[in-house]
Protein backbone atom coordinates (compact mmCIF):
# COMPACT_ATOMS: atom_id res chain seq x y z
CA MET A 1 0.00 0.00 0.00
CA GLY A 2 2.99 2.28 0.35
CA LEU A 3 1.64 3.93 3.49
CA TRP A 4 4.09 5.80 5.74
CA LEU A 5 3.11 7.48 8.98
CA VAL A 6 6.09 9.78 9.45
CA ASP A 7 4.10 12.87 8.46
CA ARG A 8 0.65 11.46 9.20
CA PHE A 9 0.35 11.91 12.95
CA GLY A 10 -2.38 14.52 12.69
CA ASN A 11 -5.99 14.11 13.74
CA PRO A 12 -7.75 12.67 10.66
CA SER A 13 -10.80 14.82 11.41
CA GLY A 14 -8.83 18.04 11.02
CA SER A 15 -8.49 20.22 7.92
CA HIS A 16 -4.77 21.06 7.71
CA SER A 17 -2.28 19.16 5.57
CA VAL A 18 -1.01 16.84 8.31
CA ALA A 19 -4.59 15.90 9.21
CA ARG A 20 -5.40 15.33 5.54
CA ALA A 21 -2.43 13.01 5.22
CA ALA A 22 -3.70 10.99 8.17
CA ARG A 23 -7.15 10.91 6.61
CA GLN A 24 -5.67 9.65 3.35
CA ALA A 25 -3.90 6.84 5.18
CA ILE A 26 -7.20 5.78 6.78
CA ASP A 27 -9.09 6.01 3.49
CA GLU A 28 -6.53 3.82 1.73
CA ALA A 29 -6.66 1.30 4.56
CA ARG A 30 -10.45 1.32 4.45
CA ASP A 31 -10.37 0.60 0.71
CA THR A 32 -8.12 -2.42 1.28
CA ILE A 33 -10.22 -3.86 4.10
CA ALA A 34 -13.48 -3.31 2.21
CA GLU A 35 -12.15 -5.10 -0.86
CA VAL A 36 -11.06 -8.15 1.14
CA LEU A 37 -14.32 -8.33 3.10
CA GLY A 38 -16.48 -7.78 0.03
CA THR A 39 -18.19 -4.53 0.94
CA ALA A 40 -18.06 -0.82 0.16
CA PRO A 41 -15.40 1.34 1.88
CA GLY A 42 -18.07 3.44 3.57
CA ASP A 43 -19.47 0.31 5.18
CA VAL A 44 -16.33 -0.44 7.21
CA VAL A 45 -16.42 0.94 10.77
CA PHE A 46 -13.13 0.95 12.67
CA THR A 47 -13.23 -0.06 16.34
CA GLY A 48 -10.79 -0.58 19.19
CA SER A 49 -11.00 -4.41 19.06
CA GLY A 50 -12.97 -7.36 17.77
CA THR A 51 -14.86 -7.32 21.07
CA GLU A 52 -15.99 -3.76 20.50
CA ALA A 53 -17.00 -4.63 16.93
CA ALA A 54 -19.14 -7.53 18.18
CA ASN A 55 -20.64 -5.34 20.92
CA LEU A 56 -21.50 -2.67 18.36
CA ALA A 57 -23.21 -5.28 16.19
CA VAL A 58 -25.22 -6.90 18.99
CA LEU A 59 -25.99 -3.96 21.26
CA GLY A 60 -26.22 -1.38 18.50
CA ARG A 61 -28.68 -3.41 16.48
CA THR A 62 -30.86 -4.44 19.44
CA ARG A 63 -31.05 -0.92 20.82
CA SER A 64 -32.05 0.38 17.39
CA ALA A 65 -34.60 -2.38 16.68
CA PRO A 66 -35.54 -4.25 19.88
CA GLY A 67 -36.58 -7.84 19.38
CA PRO A 68 -35.53 -11.40 20.25
CA ILE A 69 -31.82 -12.20 19.91
CA VAL A 70 -30.73 -15.60 18.57
CA VAL A 71 -27.18 -16.81 19.24
CA SER A 72 -25.39 -20.14 19.09
CA ALA A 73 -24.37 -21.72 22.39
CA ILE A 74 -20.66 -21.58 21.50
CA GLU A 75 -20.30 -17.90 20.65
CA HIS A 76 -17.38 -15.92 22.06
CA HIS A 77 -18.21 -14.07 25.27
CA ALA A 78 -17.96 -10.80 23.32
CA VAL A 79 -21.21 -11.86 21.67
CA LEU A 80 -22.83 -13.81 24.53
CA ASN A 81 -22.28 -11.14 27.18
CA ALA A 82 -23.28 -8.38 24.78
CA ALA A 83 -26.49 -10.29 24.04
CA ARG A 84 -27.20 -10.65 27.76
CA ALA A 85 -26.69 -6.93 28.26
CA ALA A 86 -28.88 -6.08 25.28
CA ALA A 87 -31.60 -8.39 26.57
CA ARG A 88 -31.58 -6.60 29.95
CA TRP A 89 -31.47 -3.10 28.56
CA CYS A 90 -34.08 -3.66 25.86
CA ASP A 91 -36.22 -6.20 27.75
CA VAL A 92 -36.05 -8.79 24.95
CA PRO A 93 -35.46 -12.55 25.10
CA ILE A 94 -32.34 -14.46 24.08
CA ARG A 95 -32.80 -17.72 22.22
CA VAL A 96 -29.71 -19.91 22.51
CA VAL A 97 -29.27 -22.52 19.78
CA GLY A 98 -27.38 -25.72 20.51
CA VAL A 99 -24.62 -27.37 18.51
CA GLY A 100 -23.73 -30.96 17.67
CA ARG A 101 -20.80 -32.93 19.05
CA ASP A 102 -18.85 -31.72 16.02
CA GLY A 103 -19.19 -28.13 17.19
CA THR A 104 -21.40 -26.93 14.33
CA VAL A 105 -24.72 -25.22 14.87
CA ASP A 106 -27.86 -27.36 14.89
CA LEU A 107 -29.74 -26.03 11.86
CA ASP A 108 -33.04 -27.63 12.91
CA ALA A 109 -32.82 -25.95 16.30
CA LEU A 110 -31.88 -22.68 14.63
CA GLY A 111 -34.88 -22.87 12.36
CA ALA A 112 -37.15 -23.48 15.34
CA ALA A 113 -35.74 -20.39 17.11
CA LEU A 114 -36.45 -18.07 14.19
CA ASP A 115 -39.62 -16.13 13.49
CA ARG A 116 -40.64 -12.73 12.16
CA THR A 117 -40.11 -11.03 15.53
CA VAL A 118 -36.35 -11.78 15.68
CA SER A 119 -34.14 -8.69 15.43
CA LEU A 120 -30.63 -10.18 15.46
CA VAL A 121 -28.96 -13.54 14.81
CA SER A 122 -25.26 -14.05 15.61
CA VAL A 123 -23.33 -17.17 14.55
CA GLN A 124 -19.54 -17.05 14.47
CA LEU A 125 -17.72 -18.21 11.34
CA VAL A 126 -14.93 -20.12 13.13
CA ASN A 127 -15.09 -21.10 16.78
CA ASN A 128 -12.33 -19.46 18.81
CA GLU A 129 -11.66 -22.52 20.99
CA VAL A 130 -12.00 -25.65 18.88
CA GLY A 131 -11.69 -24.07 15.43
CA THR A 132 -14.82 -25.53 13.83
CA LEU A 133 -16.09 -23.85 10.68
CA GLN A 134 -19.80 -23.01 10.76
CA PRO A 135 -22.15 -23.52 7.76
CA LEU A 136 -22.84 -19.81 7.53
CA SER A 137 -24.44 -19.92 4.08
CA ASP A 138 -27.01 -22.42 5.40
CA VAL A 139 -27.55 -20.22 8.45
CA ALA A 140 -28.11 -17.19 6.22
CA ARG A 141 -30.67 -19.02 4.07
CA LEU A 142 -32.61 -20.06 7.17
CA VAL A 143 -32.58 -16.53 8.56
CA ARG A 144 -33.81 -15.01 5.29
CA ARG A 145 -36.64 -17.56 5.08
CA ARG A 146 -37.78 -17.75 8.71
CA ALA A 147 -36.85 -14.29 10.05
CA PRO A 148 -36.78 -11.88 7.09
CA GLY A 149 -36.59 -8.83 9.34
CA ALA A 150 -33.57 -10.08 11.28
CA VAL A 151 -29.99 -8.94 10.82
CA LEU A 152 -27.31 -11.67 10.69
CA HIS A 153 -23.97 -10.97 12.36
CA THR A 154 -20.95 -13.24 12.18
CA ASP A 155 -17.95 -13.03 14.46
CA ALA A 156 -15.18 -13.69 11.93
CA VAL A 157 -12.30 -12.85 14.28
CA GLN A 158 -10.86 -16.38 14.16
CA ALA A 159 -11.62 -16.89 10.47
CA VAL A 160 -9.71 -14.19 8.63
CA ALA A 161 -6.25 -15.80 8.77
CA TRP A 162 -7.58 -19.06 7.33
CA TYR A 163 -10.51 -18.34 5.03
CA ASP A 164 -11.84 -15.90 2.44
CA VAL A 165 -14.28 -14.10 4.72
CA GLY A 166 -15.56 -12.01 1.82
CA GLN A 167 -16.83 -15.21 0.24
CA LEU A 168 -17.80 -17.31 3.28
CA GLY A 169 -19.34 -14.33 5.05
CA ALA A 170 -21.32 -13.15 2.04
CA GLY A 171 -24.62 -14.12 3.65
CA ALA A 172 -24.03 -12.04 6.77
CA ASP A 173 -25.21 -8.46 7.18
CA MET A 174 -22.42 -7.61 9.65
CA VAL A 175 -18.92 -9.09 9.98
CA SER A 176 -16.60 -8.34 12.91
CA ILE A 177 -12.82 -8.81 12.75
CA SER A 178 -9.77 -8.13 14.94
CA ALA A 179 -6.34 -7.23 13.56
CA HIS A 180 -4.16 -9.20 15.97
CA LYS A 181 -5.67 -12.51 14.86
CA PHE A 182 -4.12 -12.17 11.39
CA GLY A 183 -0.77 -10.57 12.19
CA GLY A 184 -1.85 -6.96 12.68
CA PRO A 185 -1.46 -4.80 15.80
CA GLN A 186 -3.41 -5.39 18.98
CA GLY A 187 -6.15 -2.97 19.93
CA VAL A 188 -7.83 -2.40 16.56
CA GLY A 189 -10.74 -4.09 14.82
CA ALA A 190 -13.58 -3.40 12.43
CA LEU A 191 -17.25 -4.06 11.85
CA ALA A 192 -18.10 -4.41 8.17
CA PHE A 193 -21.65 -4.07 6.86
CA ARG A 194 -22.60 -6.21 3.88
CA ARG A 195 -26.09 -4.71 3.73
CA SER A 196 -27.82 -1.63 5.12
CA VAL A 197 -28.27 -1.95 8.88
CA THR A 198 -29.67 0.63 11.26
CA LEU A 199 -27.93 0.59 14.61
CA GLU A 200 -27.36 2.80 17.64
CA PRO A 201 -23.71 3.75 18.34
CA LEU A 202 -22.05 2.70 21.57
CA VAL A 203 -19.56 5.57 21.62
CA TYR A 204 -20.89 9.12 21.32
CA GLY A 205 -19.00 12.26 20.40
CA GLY A 206 -17.95 13.49 16.98
CA PRO A 207 -19.21 12.36 13.56
CA GLN A 208 -16.38 9.90 12.88
CA GLU A 209 -17.24 6.66 11.05
CA ARG A 210 -20.46 8.22 9.75
CA ALA A 211 -21.62 8.77 13.34
CA ARG A 212 -21.46 5.03 14.06
CA ARG A 213 -18.34 5.17 16.26
CA ALA A 214 -17.08 8.48 17.61
CA GLY A 215 -13.49 9.21 18.63
CA THR A 216 -10.13 10.06 17.10
CA HIS A 217 -8.93 7.29 14.82
CA ASN A 218 -6.03 4.99 15.70
CA VAL A 219 -4.23 5.78 12.45
CA ALA A 220 -1.20 3.53 12.98
CA GLY A 221 -3.37 0.62 14.12
CA ILE A 222 -5.80 0.96 11.22
CA VAL A 223 -2.99 1.11 8.66
CA GLY A 224 -1.27 -1.85 10.29
CA MET A 225 -4.49 -3.83 10.16
CA ALA A 226 -4.91 -3.15 6.44
CA VAL A 227 -1.31 -4.09 5.64
CA ALA A 228 -1.63 -7.33 7.61
CA LEU A 229 -4.95 -8.17 5.96
CA ALA A 230 -3.51 -7.63 2.48
CA ALA A 231 -0.52 -9.84 3.34
CA VAL A 232 -2.55 -12.68 4.82
CA THR A 233 -4.90 -12.61 1.85
CA ARG A 234 -1.99 -12.82 -0.57
CA ASP A 235 -0.25 -15.67 1.27
CA ARG A 236 -3.30 -17.56 2.61
CA ALA A 237 -3.21 -20.64 0.36
CA ALA A 238 0.43 -21.48 1.03
CA PHE A 239 0.12 -20.58 4.70
CA CYS A 240 -2.89 -22.83 5.26
CA THR A 241 -1.28 -25.75 3.45
CA ARG A 242 1.92 -25.51 5.48
CA THR A 243 0.17 -24.90 8.80
CA GLY A 244 -2.38 -27.64 8.22
CA ARG A 245 0.43 -30.13 7.65
CA LEU A 246 2.09 -29.09 10.90
CA ARG A 247 -1.21 -29.27 12.79
CA ASP A 248 -2.00 -32.74 11.46
CA ARG A 249 1.43 -34.00 12.49
CA LEU A 250 1.03 -32.45 15.93
CA VAL A 251 -2.42 -33.98 16.50
CA ALA A 252 -1.36 -37.42 15.28
CA GLY A 253 1.78 -37.38 17.39
CA LEU A 254 0.02 -36.30 20.58
CA LEU A 255 -2.77 -38.86 20.14
CA ALA A 256 -0.15 -41.57 19.63
CA GLY A 257 2.04 -40.38 22.51
CA ILE A 258 -0.56 -39.75 25.21
CA PRO A 259 -2.92 -42.58 26.19
CA ALA A 260 -6.59 -41.74 26.79
CA THR A 261 -6.40 -38.55 24.73
CA TYR A 262 -8.99 -37.53 22.16
CA GLU A 263 -9.20 -34.90 19.45
CA THR A 264 -12.13 -32.53 19.83
CA ALA A 265 -14.61 -32.74 16.93
CA PRO A 266 -12.54 -35.16 14.81
CA GLY A 267 -13.42 -34.99 11.14
CA ALA A 268 -15.28 -31.68 11.43
CA PRO A 269 -14.14 -28.84 9.16
CA LYS A 270 -11.87 -26.65 11.24
CA ALA A 271 -9.25 -23.93 10.83
CA PRO A 272 -5.82 -25.35 9.87
CA GLY A 273 -4.03 -23.89 12.87
CA HIS A 274 -6.24 -25.31 15.63
CA CYS A 275 -5.20 -28.34 17.68
CA HIS A 276 -7.69 -29.03 20.47
CA LEU A 277 -7.52 -32.16 22.62
CA LEU A 278 -9.26 -33.65 25.64
CA ILE A 279 -6.88 -35.47 28.00
CA ASP A 280 -8.23 -37.86 30.62
CA GLY A 281 -6.84 -37.78 34.14
CA VAL A 282 -5.25 -34.33 33.88
CA GLU A 283 -6.51 -30.87 34.80
CA SER A 284 -5.64 -28.14 32.31
CA GLU A 285 -4.53 -25.65 34.96
CA ALA A 286 -1.65 -27.83 36.18
CA LEU A 287 -0.72 -28.92 32.67
CA LEU A 288 -0.50 -25.35 31.38
CA VAL A 289 1.88 -24.39 34.19
CA LEU A 290 4.26 -27.21 33.30
CA LEU A 291 4.07 -26.50 29.59
CA ASP A 292 4.73 -22.80 30.08
CA ALA A 293 7.79 -23.55 32.20
CA ALA A 294 9.02 -25.85 29.41
CA GLY A 295 8.59 -23.18 26.72
CA VAL A 296 5.32 -24.37 25.18
CA ALA A 297 2.64 -21.68 25.06
CA ALA A 298 -0.77 -23.32 25.34
CA SER A 299 -4.25 -22.65 26.67
CA ALA A 300 -7.30 -24.58 27.76
CA GLY A 301 -9.86 -22.56 25.85
CA SER A 302 -10.35 -18.90 25.04
CA ALA A 303 -7.39 -16.68 25.89
CA CYS A 304 -9.90 -14.12 27.18
CA ALA A 305 -10.94 -16.60 29.87
CA SER A 306 -7.42 -17.40 31.07
CA GLY A 307 -7.24 -17.60 34.86
CA ALA A 308 -10.86 -18.69 35.16
CA MET A 309 -10.55 -22.46 35.40
CA GLU A 310 -14.13 -23.42 34.78
CA PRO A 311 -15.39 -25.91 32.20
CA SER A 312 -15.51 -24.34 28.75
CA HIS A 313 -19.03 -23.37 27.72
CA VAL A 314 -18.08 -24.45 24.21
CA LEU A 315 -17.14 -27.98 25.28
CA LEU A 316 -20.18 -28.30 27.52
CA ALA A 317 -22.42 -27.27 24.62
CA MET A 318 -20.71 -29.92 22.48
CA GLY A 319 -21.67 -32.61 24.98
CA SER A 320 -18.54 -32.96 27.14
CA SER A 321 -18.98 -33.52 30.86
CA PRO A 322 -17.51 -30.88 33.19
CA GLU A 323 -14.81 -33.33 34.30
CA VAL A 324 -13.73 -34.08 30.73
CA ALA A 325 -13.89 -30.41 29.73
CA LEU A 326 -11.42 -29.51 32.50
CA GLY A 327 -8.81 -31.63 30.71
CA ALA A 328 -8.85 -29.55 27.53
CA LEU A 329 -5.65 -28.50 25.78
CA ARG A 330 -5.50 -25.99 22.96
CA LEU A 331 -2.35 -25.53 20.88
CA THR A 332 -2.54 -22.97 18.07
CA LEU A 333 -0.11 -22.78 15.17
CA GLY A 334 0.62 -19.64 13.19
CA HIS A 335 2.88 -17.95 10.66
CA ASP A 336 6.08 -18.53 12.61
CA SER A 337 5.34 -22.15 13.62
CA THR A 338 7.93 -24.68 12.44
CA ASP A 339 8.60 -28.40 12.42
CA ALA A 340 10.99 -27.79 15.30
CA ASP A 341 8.10 -26.32 17.31
CA VAL A 342 6.02 -29.42 16.63
CA ASP A 343 8.95 -31.64 17.62
CA ALA A 344 9.28 -29.74 20.91
CA ALA A 345 5.57 -30.05 21.67
CA LEU A 346 5.63 -33.77 20.88
CA ARG A 347 8.44 -34.17 23.39
CA VAL A 348 7.20 -31.86 26.14
CA VAL A 349 3.42 -32.40 26.22
CA PRO A 350 3.43 -36.20 26.68
CA ALA A 351 6.13 -35.89 29.33
CA ALA A 352 4.12 -33.28 31.23
CA VAL A 353 0.96 -35.37 31.07
CA ALA A 354 2.82 -38.47 32.28
CA GLN A 355 4.32 -36.46 35.14
CA LEU A 356 0.93 -35.19 36.27
CA ARG A 357 -0.67 -38.60 36.03
CA ALA A 358 2.12 -39.95 38.23
CA GLY A 359 1.45 -37.21 40.79
CA ARG A 360 4.81 -35.45 40.33
CA TYR A 361 3.57 -31.91 39.70
CA SER A 362 6.61 -30.02 41.02
CA GLU A 363 9.28 -31.55 38.81
CA PRO A 364 10.34 -29.49 35.77
CA VAL A 365 9.67 -30.87 32.31
CA GLU A 366 12.52 -30.86 29.83
CA ALA A 367 12.53 -27.47 28.15
CA ARG A 368 13.33 -26.60 24.57
């Protein structure tokens, strides 16, 4: 894009030359993001995170057009908690739709939850914990047929690095993304509108973002997000092939090396970088401590829920018992993952599990 910020530190809402340069940088970034997401530049609203984008979609829509909210049971808390808040503030019901053991939304249950009173439906494109890909085109067809007045939002935060969201999200009216999930800076996101949607802003002030999100723009963050999105779009095919190969080797090796271990949603379509396992006889909290000390960065579920060792709502919705869900392990691969990283995980994770099963929590595991 050839964007440089050396002389673009002005307020993009100003009128002098430095401000105009900042505005140009934002406009060029907006053009890039709109093209990738399949919408018009004026229909991209910049936010401070993917969470804010999801909140704007859920709360903004419900406050503007109160009515029942339909969400899947495995949505990110940015959607679930926003829906709960919207339901309280607007005195409307939430209809939670279950999923199968493969982590995909139950379309029959979704159809039963839809009617002409529904205002908003939110189904994420890729689950943030287990990586399952949702049948969003089928969801969109159901919504159009059963709830023609409803707006469909998809949380695509986990999808952008792996899939063409412009194509897979074509049926959605609103798409939320977050830059740091595809190599951009932290603290910047966007809500893209694929169709005309009336919504109430969450942040009031100036007329920025066509009065949909007030506040001075994060110019550097927005430009960084656009550059990262262009790069991941260009390199996606090769990246997914390479990362998928590493993930498959990691999953196969851990299943072979750790008895009584199971892949979550085996055979379901899922993002190439997600490795999610359920390990019998081990609690995630203790395992994560040992892995971290050995140089393996892992989690049990959503990074946003770290420190709260409760059974994952995603796994419970997929049919796992609370005891089984507490043995979850999530390893995510990315652009800088290598065969050496997989080799290290295949050495460290089985050793840590064996140590915990033997009751020797305090001993260090061999580090990288």
